[in-house]
Amino acid sequence: MPDAREAAETLRTRGVEPLSDPFSVATGWIVEVADAAGNIIGFTDYTANPSLGRTAGH
């Protein structure tokens, strides 16, 4: 996830309301949403420490 804060805005424009505003963690930012079954799905970026993030396919 390149930018969790941007993802939150994109989700909102598509009718998916995050459970809260994105919040800061040691590696960057997290935004959480719930699916129809109530499962919580978190999107995390690594903007504060990119070396810890994974790239696509890894």
C-alpha atoms as a PDB file:
ATOM      1  CA  MET A   1       0.000   0.000   0.000  1.00  0.00           C
ATOM      2  CA  PRO A   2       1.797   3.175  -1.134  1.00  0.00           C
ATOM      3  CA  ASP A   3      -0.299   5.590   0.984  1.00  0.00           C
ATOM      4  CA  ALA A   4      -2.965   4.511   3.467  1.00  0.00           C
ATOM      5  CA  ARG A   5      -4.283   8.059   3.883  1.00  0.00           C
ATOM      6  CA  GLU A   6      -4.884   8.323   0.135  1.00  0.00           C
ATOM      7  CA  ALA A   7      -6.506   4.880   0.166  1.00  0.00           C
ATOM      8  CA  ALA A   8      -8.931   6.061   2.861  1.00  0.00           C
ATOM      9  CA  GLU A   9     -10.054   8.946   0.666  1.00  0.00           C
ATOM     10  CA  THR A  10     -10.432   6.665  -2.360  1.00  0.00           C
ATOM     11  CA  LEU A  11     -12.495   4.201  -0.328  1.00  0.00           C
ATOM     12  CA  ARG A  12     -14.761   7.024   0.899  1.00  0.00           C
ATOM     13  CA  THR A  13     -15.390   8.250  -2.645  1.00  0.00           C
ATOM     14  CA  ARG A  14     -16.426   4.701  -3.547  1.00  0.00           C
ATOM     15  CA  GLY A  15     -18.858   4.399  -0.661  1.00  0.00           C
ATOM     16  CA  VAL A  16     -16.687   2.450   1.786  1.00  0.00           C
ATOM     17  CA  GLU A  17     -16.447   4.256   5.112  1.00  0.00           C
ATOM     18  CA  PRO A  18     -13.283   3.549   7.130  1.00  0.00           C
ATOM     19  CA  LEU A  19     -13.832   2.548  10.756  1.00  0.00           C
ATOM     20  CA  SER A  20     -11.803   5.602  11.813  1.00  0.00           C
ATOM     21  CA  ASP A  21      -9.493   8.166  10.334  1.00  0.00           C
ATOM     22  CA  PRO A  22      -6.116   6.759   9.287  1.00  0.00           C
ATOM     23  CA  PHE A  23      -3.789   6.537  12.264  1.00  0.00           C
ATOM     24  CA  SER A  24      -0.042   6.696  12.616  1.00  0.00           C
ATOM     25  CA  VAL A  25       2.091   3.704  13.587  1.00  0.00           C
ATOM     26  CA  ALA A  26       5.869   3.227  13.708  1.00  0.00           C
ATOM     27  CA  THR A  27       6.081   2.197  10.038  1.00  0.00           C
ATOM     28  CA  GLY A  28       3.643   4.747   8.568  1.00  0.00           C
ATOM     29  CA  TRP A  29      -0.162   4.831   8.487  1.00  0.00           C
ATOM     30  CA  ILE A  30      -3.062   2.360   8.805  1.00  0.00           C
ATOM     31  CA  VAL A  31      -6.687   2.601   7.704  1.00  0.00           C
ATOM     32  CA  GLU A  32      -9.238  -0.077   8.611  1.00  0.00           C
ATOM     33  CA  VAL A  33     -12.565  -1.046   7.060  1.00  0.00           C
ATOM     34  CA  ALA A  34     -15.066  -3.816   7.800  1.00  0.00           C
ATOM     35  CA  ASP A  35     -16.473  -6.142   5.177  1.00  0.00           C
ATOM     36  CA  ALA A  36     -20.105  -7.273   5.037  1.00  0.00           C
ATOM     37  CA  ALA A  37     -19.369 -10.156   7.439  1.00  0.00           C
ATOM     38  CA  GLY A  38     -17.790  -7.820   9.983  1.00  0.00           C
ATOM     39  CA  ASN A  39     -14.187  -8.824   9.315  1.00  0.00           C
ATOM     40  CA  ILE A  40     -11.777  -5.955   9.860  1.00  0.00           C
ATOM     41  CA  ILE A  41      -9.355  -5.353   7.004  1.00  0.00           C
ATOM     42  CA  GLY A  42      -6.363  -3.105   7.546  1.00  0.00           C
ATOM     43  CA  PHE A  43      -4.359  -1.300   4.889  1.00  0.00           C
ATOM     44  CA  THR A  44      -0.877  -0.339   6.058  1.00  0.00           C
ATOM     45  CA  ASP A  45       1.718   1.791   4.339  1.00  0.00           C
ATOM     46  CA  TYR A  46       5.404   1.970   5.166  1.00  0.00           C
ATOM     47  CA  THR A  47       6.002   5.642   4.451  1.00  0.00           C
ATOM     48  CA  ALA A  48       7.924   6.115   7.717  1.00  0.00           C
ATOM     49  CA  ASN A  49      10.166   3.076   7.119  1.00  0.00           C
ATOM     50  CA  PRO A  50      10.017   1.928   3.487  1.00  0.00           C
ATOM     51  CA  SER A  51      12.725  -0.697   3.963  1.00  0.00           C
ATOM     52  CA  LEU A  52      10.247  -2.818   5.954  1.00  0.00           C
ATOM     53  CA  GLY A  53       7.579  -2.837   3.234  1.00  0.00           C
ATOM     54  CA  ARG A  54       7.125  -5.557   0.647  1.00  0.00           C
ATOM     55  CA  THR A  55       6.940  -5.025  -3.080  1.00  0.00           C
ATOM     56  CA  ALA A  56       4.334  -6.605  -5.348  1.00  0.00           C
ATOM     57  CA  GLY A  57       4.912 -10.303  -5.800  1.00  0.00           C
ATOM     58  CA  HIS A  58       7.104 -10.727  -2.721  1.00  0.00           C
END
